[in-house]
């Protein structure tokens, strides 16, 4: 029997947990991008942007710059602005 996946409710996340979830989502979207799986990449990117918008300016600064750049600029080039 496969292991159970723990579902995370994005609405209940705050503070460090929210920052970690944003980073995880962006990294997952980037890995989907590298695998040429555009549909999955777009879905993860949309979720990451929704969570990123909930972060305060201080929290946004704590997200690694490499992830912020990919989320905002590189992915916008291919997918357009967040829907």
PDB file of N, CA and C in Angstrom:
ATOM      1  N   UNK A   1       0.839  -1.168   0.000  1.00  0.00           N
ATOM      2  CA  UNK A   1       0.000   0.000   0.000  1.00  0.00           C
ATOM      3  C   UNK A   1       0.893   1.242   0.000  1.00  0.00           C
ATOM      4  N   UNK A   2       0.628   2.211  -0.890  1.00  0.00           N
ATOM      5  CA  UNK A   2       1.463   3.412  -0.938  1.00  0.00           C
ATOM      6  C   UNK A   2       1.286   4.273   0.306  1.00  0.00           C
ATOM      7  N   UNK A   3       2.324   5.029   0.580  1.00  0.00           N
ATOM      8  CA  UNK A   3       2.279   5.925   1.735  1.00  0.00           C
ATOM      9  C   UNK A   3       1.235   7.015   1.514  1.00  0.00           C
ATOM     10  N   UNK A   4       0.609   7.427   2.600  1.00  0.00           N
ATOM     11  CA  UNK A   4      -0.397   8.481   2.512  1.00  0.00           C
ATOM     12  C   UNK A   4       0.286   9.826   2.363  1.00  0.00           C
ATOM     13  N   UNK A   5      -0.263  10.644   1.498  1.00  0.00           N
ATOM     14  CA  UNK A   5       0.260  11.989   1.329  1.00  0.00           C
ATOM     15  C   UNK A   5      -0.454  12.916   2.296  1.00  0.00           C
ATOM     16  N   UNK A   6       0.320  13.736   2.940  1.00  0.00           N
ATOM     17  CA  UNK A   6      -0.256  14.717   3.854  1.00  0.00           C
ATOM     18  C   UNK A   6      -0.616  15.952   3.051  1.00  0.00           C
ATOM     19  N   UNK A   7      -1.886  16.262   3.013  1.00  0.00           N
ATOM     20  CA  UNK A   7      -2.332  17.434   2.280  1.00  0.00           C
ATOM     21  C   UNK A   7      -2.189  18.667   3.164  1.00  0.00           C
ATOM     22  N   UNK A   8      -1.650  19.709   2.559  1.00  0.00           N
ATOM     23  CA  UNK A   8      -1.443  20.956   3.281  1.00  0.00           C
ATOM     24  C   UNK A   8      -2.518  21.939   2.848  1.00  0.00           C
ATOM     25  N   UNK A   9      -3.196  22.507   3.826  1.00  0.00           N
ATOM     26  CA  UNK A   9      -4.210  23.509   3.530  1.00  0.00           C
ATOM     27  C   UNK A   9      -3.519  24.863   3.424  1.00  0.00           C
ATOM     28  N   UNK A  10      -3.404  25.419   2.206  1.00  0.00           N
ATOM     29  CA  UNK A  10      -2.661  26.665   2.036  1.00  0.00           C
ATOM     30  C   UNK A  10      -3.264  27.848   2.787  1.00  0.00           C
ATOM     31  N   UNK A  11      -4.553  27.799   3.086  1.00  0.00           N
ATOM     32  CA  UNK A  11      -5.192  28.910   3.794  1.00  0.00           C
ATOM     33  C   UNK A  11      -4.778  28.960   5.260  1.00  0.00           C
ATOM     34  N   UNK A  12      -4.351  27.828   5.804  1.00  0.00           N
ATOM     35  CA  UNK A  12      -4.000  27.792   7.215  1.00  0.00           C
ATOM     36  C   UNK A  12      -2.523  28.109   7.468  1.00  0.00           C
ATOM     37  N   UNK A  13      -1.731  28.278   6.423  1.00  0.00           N
ATOM     38  CA  UNK A  13      -0.303  28.519   6.584  1.00  0.00           C
ATOM     39  C   UNK A  13      -0.021  29.980   6.943  1.00  0.00           C
ATOM     40  N   UNK A  14       0.920  30.157   7.851  1.00  0.00           N
ATOM     41  CA  UNK A  14       1.365  31.500   8.226  1.00  0.00           C
ATOM     42  C   UNK A  14       2.850  31.443   8.530  1.00  0.00           C
ATOM     43  N   UNK A  15       3.484  32.582   8.518  1.00  0.00           N
ATOM     44  CA  UNK A  15       4.879  32.703   8.934  1.00  0.00           C
ATOM     45  C   UNK A  15       5.844  31.854   8.135  1.00  0.00           C
ATOM     46  N   UNK A  16       6.717  31.168   8.865  1.00  0.00           N
ATOM     47  CA  UNK A  16       7.763  30.351   8.242  1.00  0.00           C
ATOM     48  C   UNK A  16       7.181  29.227   7.394  1.00  0.00           C
ATOM     49  N   UNK A  17       6.059  28.648   7.821  1.00  0.00           N
ATOM     50  CA  UNK A  17       5.442  27.562   7.062  1.00  0.00           C
ATOM     51  C   UNK A  17       4.992  28.052   5.689  1.00  0.00           C
ATOM     52  N   UNK A  18       4.466  29.260   5.635  1.00  0.00           N
ATOM     53  CA  UNK A  18       4.034  29.831   4.361  1.00  0.00           C
ATOM     54  C   UNK A  18       5.238  30.098   3.458  1.00  0.00           C
ATOM     55  N   UNK A  19       6.305  30.621   4.038  1.00  0.00           N
ATOM     56  CA  UNK A  19       7.528  30.854   3.255  1.00  0.00           C
ATOM     57  C   UNK A  19       8.067  29.550   2.683  1.00  0.00           C
ATOM     58  N   UNK A  20       8.114  28.515   3.518  1.00  0.00           N
ATOM     59  CA  UNK A  20       8.614  27.220   3.063  1.00  0.00           C
ATOM     60  C   UNK A  20       7.743  26.636   1.963  1.00  0.00           C
ATOM     61  N   UNK A  21       6.440  26.788   2.078  1.00  0.00           N
ATOM     62  CA  UNK A  21       5.523  26.254   1.067  1.00  0.00           C
ATOM     63  C   UNK A  21       5.681  26.998  -0.258  1.00  0.00           C
ATOM     64  N   UNK A  22       5.886  28.300  -0.213  1.00  0.00           N
ATOM     65  CA  UNK A  22       6.123  29.069  -1.440  1.00  0.00           C
ATOM     66  C   UNK A  22       7.388  28.556  -2.123  1.00  0.00           C
ATOM     67  N   UNK A  23       8.454  28.412  -1.360  1.00  0.00           N
ATOM     68  CA  UNK A  23       9.715  27.925  -1.925  1.00  0.00           C
ATOM     69  C   UNK A  23       9.552  26.527  -2.505  1.00  0.00           C
ATOM     70  N   UNK A  24       8.844  25.674  -1.796  1.00  0.00           N
ATOM     71  CA  UNK A  24       8.630  24.308  -2.270  1.00  0.00           C
ATOM     72  C   UNK A  24       7.857  24.299  -3.588  1.00  0.00           C
ATOM     73  N   UNK A  25       6.814  25.112  -3.664  1.00  0.00           N
ATOM     74  CA  UNK A  25       5.996  25.183  -4.880  1.00  0.00           C
ATOM     75  C   UNK A  25       6.795  25.708  -6.068  1.00  0.00           C
ATOM     76  N   UNK A  26       7.610  26.727  -5.843  1.00  0.00           N
ATOM     77  CA  UNK A  26       8.410  27.289  -6.938  1.00  0.00           C
ATOM     78  C   UNK A  26       9.435  26.264  -7.404  1.00  0.00           C
ATOM     79  N   UNK A  27      10.080  25.590  -6.457  1.00  0.00           N
ATOM     80  CA  UNK A  27      11.047  24.557  -6.846  1.00  0.00           C
ATOM     81  C   UNK A  27      10.374  23.433  -7.623  1.00  0.00           C
ATOM     82  N   UNK A  28       9.189  23.046  -7.199  1.00  0.00           N
ATOM     83  CA  UNK A  28       8.450  22.007  -7.904  1.00  0.00           C
ATOM     84  C   UNK A  28       8.075  22.466  -9.303  1.00  0.00           C
ATOM     85  N   UNK A  29       7.641  23.715  -9.443  1.00  0.00           N
ATOM     86  CA  UNK A  29       7.307  24.249 -10.770  1.00  0.00           C
ATOM     87  C   UNK A  29       8.545  24.270 -11.661  1.00  0.00           C
ATOM     88  N   UNK A  30       9.685  24.639 -11.109  1.00  0.00           N
ATOM     89  CA  UNK A  30      10.924  24.658 -11.897  1.00  0.00           C
ATOM     90  C   UNK A  30      11.315  23.261 -12.345  1.00  0.00           C
ATOM     91  N   UNK A  31      11.131  22.286 -11.476  1.00  0.00           N
ATOM     92  CA  UNK A  31      11.474  20.920 -11.880  1.00  0.00           C
ATOM     93  C   UNK A  31      10.520  20.416 -12.960  1.00  0.00           C
ATOM     94  N   UNK A  32       9.257  20.794 -12.865  1.00  0.00           N
ATOM     95  CA  UNK A  32       8.302  20.430 -13.927  1.00  0.00           C
ATOM     96  C   UNK A  32       8.688  21.107 -15.239  1.00  0.00           C
ATOM     97  N   UNK A  33       9.179  22.356 -15.139  1.00  0.00           N
ATOM     98  CA  UNK A  33       9.612  23.104 -16.312  1.00  0.00           C
ATOM     99  C   UNK A  33      10.792  22.389 -16.987  1.00  0.00           C
ATOM    100  N   UNK A  34      11.749  21.954 -16.163  1.00  0.00           N
ATOM    101  CA  UNK A  34      12.921  21.260 -16.707  1.00  0.00           C
ATOM    102  C   UNK A  34      12.537  19.937 -17.354  1.00  0.00           C
ATOM    103  N   UNK A  35      11.459  19.322 -16.870  1.00  0.00           N
ATOM    104  CA  UNK A  35      10.984  18.056 -17.436  1.00  0.00           C
ATOM    105  C   UNK A  35      10.091  18.266 -18.651  1.00  0.00           C
ATOM    106  N   UNK A  36       9.898  19.523 -19.063  1.00  0.00           N
ATOM    107  CA  UNK A  36       9.042  19.881 -20.209  1.00  0.00           C
ATOM    108  C   UNK A  36       7.589  19.479 -19.993  1.00  0.00           C
ATOM    109  N   UNK A  37       7.155  19.534 -18.737  1.00  0.00           N
ATOM    110  CA  UNK A  37       5.773  19.218 -18.393  1.00  0.00           C
ATOM    111  C   UNK A  37       5.064  20.542 -18.116  1.00  0.00           C
ATOM    112  N   UNK A  38       4.659  21.207 -19.190  1.00  0.00           N
ATOM    113  CA  UNK A  38       4.161  22.577 -19.062  1.00  0.00           C
ATOM    114  C   UNK A  38       2.851  22.695 -18.302  1.00  0.00           C
ATOM    115  N   UNK A  39       1.957  21.742 -18.461  1.00  0.00           N
ATOM    116  CA  UNK A  39       0.676  21.822 -17.758  1.00  0.00           C
ATOM    117  C   UNK A  39       0.888  21.756 -16.249  1.00  0.00           C
ATOM    118  N   UNK A  40       1.699  20.815 -15.799  1.00  0.00           N
ATOM    119  CA  UNK A  40       1.977  20.685 -14.368  1.00  0.00           C
ATOM    120  C   UNK A  40       2.757  21.897 -13.857  1.00  0.00           C
ATOM    121  N   UNK A  41       3.666  22.412 -14.673  1.00  0.00           N
ATOM    122  CA  UNK A  41       4.438  23.592 -14.295  1.00  0.00           C
ATOM    123  C   UNK A  41       3.514  24.786 -14.107  1.00  0.00           C
ATOM    124  N   UNK A  42       2.604  24.976 -15.036  1.00  0.00           N
ATOM    125  CA  UNK A  42       1.674  26.106 -14.946  1.00  0.00           C
ATOM    126  C   UNK A  42       0.798  25.999 -13.702  1.00  0.00           C
ATOM    127  N   UNK A  43       0.347  24.791 -13.385  1.00  0.00           N
ATOM    128  CA  UNK A  43      -0.502  24.593 -12.205  1.00  0.00           C
ATOM    129  C   UNK A  43       0.262  24.924 -10.927  1.00  0.00           C
ATOM    130  N   UNK A  44       1.487  24.425 -10.812  1.00  0.00           N
ATOM    131  CA  UNK A  44       2.287  24.694  -9.614  1.00  0.00           C
ATOM    132  C   UNK A  44       2.661  26.171  -9.524  1.00  0.00           C
ATOM    133  N   UNK A  45       2.959  26.782 -10.661  1.00  0.00           N
ATOM    134  CA  UNK A  45       3.306  28.203 -10.681  1.00  0.00           C
ATOM    135  C   UNK A  45       2.125  29.044 -10.210  1.00  0.00           C
ATOM    136  N   UNK A  46       0.927  28.700 -10.653  1.00  0.00           N
ATOM    137  CA  UNK A  46      -0.267  29.433 -10.238  1.00  0.00           C
ATOM    138  C   UNK A  46      -0.464  29.337  -8.729  1.00  0.00           C
ATOM    139  N   UNK A  47      -0.267  28.146  -8.179  1.00  0.00           N
ATOM    140  CA  UNK A  47      -0.399  27.961  -6.735  1.00  0.00           C
ATOM    141  C   UNK A  47       0.684  28.729  -5.987  1.00  0.00           C
ATOM    142  N   UNK A  48       1.896  28.719  -6.527  1.00  0.00           N
ATOM    143  CA  UNK A  48       3.002  29.427  -5.887  1.00  0.00           C
ATOM    144  C   UNK A  48       2.757  30.927  -5.886  1.00  0.00           C
ATOM    145  N   UNK A  49       2.262  31.457  -6.988  1.00  0.00           N
ATOM    146  CA  UNK A  49       1.991  32.898  -7.048  1.00  0.00           C
ATOM    147  C   UNK A  49       0.892  33.280  -6.063  1.00  0.00           C
ATOM    148  N   UNK A  50      -0.140  32.453  -5.951  1.00  0.00           N
ATOM    149  CA  UNK A  50      -1.225  32.744  -5.009  1.00  0.00           C
ATOM    150  C   UNK A  50      -0.690  32.805  -3.580  1.00  0.00           C
ATOM    151  N   UNK A  51       0.192  31.884  -3.229  1.00  0.00           N
ATOM    152  CA  UNK A  51       0.778  31.898  -1.892  1.00  0.00           C
ATOM    153  C   UNK A  51       1.767  33.052  -1.736  1.00  0.00           C
ATOM    154  N   UNK A  52       2.524  33.337  -2.771  1.00  0.00           N
ATOM    155  CA  UNK A  52       3.508  34.427  -2.726  1.00  0.00           C
ATOM    156  C   UNK A  52       2.831  35.767  -2.481  1.00  0.00           C
ATOM    157  N   UNK A  53       1.658  35.939  -3.038  1.00  0.00           N
ATOM    158  CA  UNK A  53       0.920  37.192  -2.848  1.00  0.00           C
ATOM    159  C   UNK A  53       0.491  37.386  -1.400  1.00  0.00           C
ATOM    160  N   UNK A  54       0.400  36.315  -0.628  1.00  0.00           N
ATOM    161  CA  UNK A  54       0.010  36.406   0.783  1.00  0.00           C
ATOM    162  C   UNK A  54       1.165  36.819   1.690  1.00  0.00           C
ATOM    163  N   UNK A  55       2.404  36.729   1.174  1.00  0.00           N
ATOM    164  CA  UNK A  55       3.568  37.059   1.991  1.00  0.00           C
ATOM    165  C   UNK A  55       3.702  38.561   2.191  1.00  0.00           C
ATOM    166  N   UNK A  56       4.209  38.941   3.347  1.00  0.00           N
ATOM    167  CA  UNK A  56       4.516  40.347   3.587  1.00  0.00           C
ATOM    168  C   UNK A  56       5.815  40.686   2.859  1.00  0.00           C
ATOM    169  N   UNK A  57       6.154  41.948   2.791  1.00  0.00           N
ATOM    170  CA  UNK A  57       7.372  42.352   2.080  1.00  0.00           C
ATOM    171  C   UNK A  57       8.626  41.776   2.747  1.00  0.00           C
ATOM    172  N   UNK A  58       8.623  41.678   4.074  1.00  0.00           N
ATOM    173  CA  UNK A  58       9.770  41.081   4.770  1.00  0.00           C
ATOM    174  C   UNK A  58       9.899  39.600   4.446  1.00  0.00           C
ATOM    175  N   UNK A  59       8.773  38.907   4.415  1.00  0.00           N
ATOM    176  CA  UNK A  59       8.798  37.488   4.091  1.00  0.00           C
ATOM    177  C   UNK A  59       9.230  37.262   2.650  1.00  0.00           C
ATOM    178  N   UNK A  60       8.807  38.138   1.746  1.00  0.00           N
ATOM    179  CA  UNK A  60       9.200  38.004   0.335  1.00  0.00           C
ATOM    180  C   UNK A  60      10.709  38.123   0.181  1.00  0.00           C
ATOM    181  N   UNK A  61      11.329  38.953   1.003  1.00  0.00           N
ATOM    182  CA  UNK A  61      12.783  39.112   0.945  1.00  0.00           C
ATOM    183  C   UNK A  61      13.505  37.844   1.391  1.00  0.00           C
ATOM    184  N   UNK A  62      12.855  37.046   2.239  1.00  0.00           N
ATOM    185  CA  UNK A  62      13.479  35.817   2.723  1.00  0.00           C
ATOM    186  C   UNK A  62      13.362  34.662   1.735  1.00  0.00           C
ATOM    187  N   UNK A  63      12.518  34.802   0.713  1.00  0.00           N
ATOM    188  CA  UNK A  63      12.464  33.796  -0.353  1.00  0.00           C
ATOM    189  C   UNK A  63      13.729  33.972  -1.178  1.00  0.00           C
ATOM    190  N   UNK A  64      14.462  32.888  -1.464  1.00  0.00           N
ATOM    191  CA  UNK A  64      15.716  33.026  -2.214  1.00  0.00           C
ATOM    192  C   UNK A  64      15.513  33.778  -3.531  1.00  0.00           C
ATOM    193  N   UNK A  65      16.476  34.639  -3.837  1.00  0.00           N
ATOM    194  CA  UNK A  65      16.357  35.492  -5.017  1.00  0.00           C
ATOM    195  C   UNK A  65      16.210  34.681  -6.294  1.00  0.00           C
ATOM    196  N   UNK A  66      16.892  33.560  -6.389  1.00  0.00           N
ATOM    197  CA  UNK A  66      16.805  32.709  -7.572  1.00  0.00           C
ATOM    198  C   UNK A  66      15.363  32.259  -7.823  1.00  0.00           C
ATOM    199  N   UNK A  67      14.653  31.940  -6.758  1.00  0.00           N
ATOM    200  CA  UNK A  67      13.262  31.511  -6.898  1.00  0.00           C
ATOM    201  C   UNK A  67      12.354  32.678  -7.253  1.00  0.00           C
ATOM    202  N   UNK A  68      12.605  33.828  -6.633  1.00  0.00           N
ATOM    203  CA  UNK A  68      11.792  35.013  -6.946  1.00  0.00           C
ATOM    204  C   UNK A  68      11.960  35.429  -8.397  1.00  0.00           C
ATOM    205  N   UNK A  69      13.189  35.391  -8.880  1.00  0.00           N
ATOM    206  CA  UNK A  69      13.447  35.777 -10.268  1.00  0.00           C
ATOM    207  C   UNK A  69      12.725  34.827 -11.215  1.00  0.00           C
ATOM    208  N   UNK A  70      12.823  33.539 -10.942  1.00  0.00           N
ATOM    209  CA  UNK A  70      12.150  32.578 -11.827  1.00  0.00           C
ATOM    210  C   UNK A  70      10.644  32.778 -11.792  1.00  0.00           C
ATOM    211  N   UNK A  71      10.099  32.965 -10.623  1.00  0.00           N
ATOM    212  CA  UNK A  71       8.652  33.096 -10.475  1.00  0.00           C
ATOM    213  C   UNK A  71       8.129  34.343 -11.176  1.00  0.00           C
ATOM    214  N   UNK A  72       8.808  35.440 -11.032  1.00  0.00           N
ATOM    215  CA  UNK A  72       8.300  36.709 -11.543  1.00  0.00           C
ATOM    216  C   UNK A  72       8.676  36.987 -12.986  1.00  0.00           C
ATOM    217  N   UNK A  73       9.896  36.694 -13.380  1.00  0.00           N
ATOM    218  CA  UNK A  73      10.355  37.154 -14.688  1.00  0.00           C
ATOM    219  C   UNK A  73      10.494  36.041 -15.714  1.00  0.00           C
ATOM    220  N   UNK A  74      11.237  35.016 -15.370  1.00  0.00           N
ATOM    221  CA  UNK A  74      11.480  33.945 -16.338  1.00  0.00           C
ATOM    222  C   UNK A  74      10.200  33.236 -16.716  1.00  0.00           C
ATOM    223  N   UNK A  75       9.375  32.902 -15.739  1.00  0.00           N
ATOM    224  CA  UNK A  75       8.158  32.170 -16.054  1.00  0.00           C
ATOM    225  C   UNK A  75       7.117  33.069 -16.723  1.00  0.00           C
ATOM    226  N   UNK A  76       7.134  34.380 -16.425  1.00  0.00           N
ATOM    227  CA  UNK A  76       6.196  35.287 -17.092  1.00  0.00           C
ATOM    228  C   UNK A  76       6.470  35.346 -18.590  1.00  0.00           C
ATOM    229  N   UNK A  77       7.730  35.190 -18.952  1.00  0.00           N
ATOM    230  CA  UNK A  77       8.099  35.227 -20.367  1.00  0.00           C
ATOM    231  C   UNK A  77       7.349  34.146 -21.140  1.00  0.00           C
ATOM    232  N   UNK A  78       7.193  32.988 -20.531  1.00  0.00           N
ATOM    233  CA  UNK A  78       6.571  31.864 -21.224  1.00  0.00           C
ATOM    234  C   UNK A  78       5.084  31.708 -20.930  1.00  0.00           C
ATOM    235  N   UNK A  79       4.674  32.015 -19.701  1.00  0.00           N
ATOM    236  CA  UNK A  79       3.295  31.769 -19.313  1.00  0.00           C
ATOM    237  C   UNK A  79       2.467  33.043 -19.194  1.00  0.00           C
ATOM    238  N   UNK A  80       3.075  34.185 -19.286  1.00  0.00           N
ATOM    239  CA  UNK A  80       2.347  35.428 -19.089  1.00  0.00           C
ATOM    240  C   UNK A  80       2.208  35.728 -17.609  1.00  0.00           C
ATOM    241  N   UNK A  81       1.512  36.786 -17.301  1.00  0.00           N
ATOM    242  CA  UNK A  81       1.304  37.154 -15.888  1.00  0.00           C
ATOM    243  C   UNK A  81       0.372  36.151 -15.234  1.00  0.00           C
ATOM    244  N   UNK A  82       0.422  36.089 -13.881  1.00  0.00           N
ATOM    245  CA  UNK A  82      -0.412  35.164 -13.111  1.00  0.00           C
ATOM    246  C   UNK A  82      -1.880  35.337 -13.442  1.00  0.00           C
ATOM    247  N   UNK A  83      -2.581  34.235 -13.573  1.00  0.00           N
ATOM    248  CA  UNK A  83      -4.005  34.286 -13.938  1.00  0.00           C
ATOM    249  C   UNK A  83      -4.877  34.408 -12.740  1.00  0.00           C
TER     250      UNK A  83
END
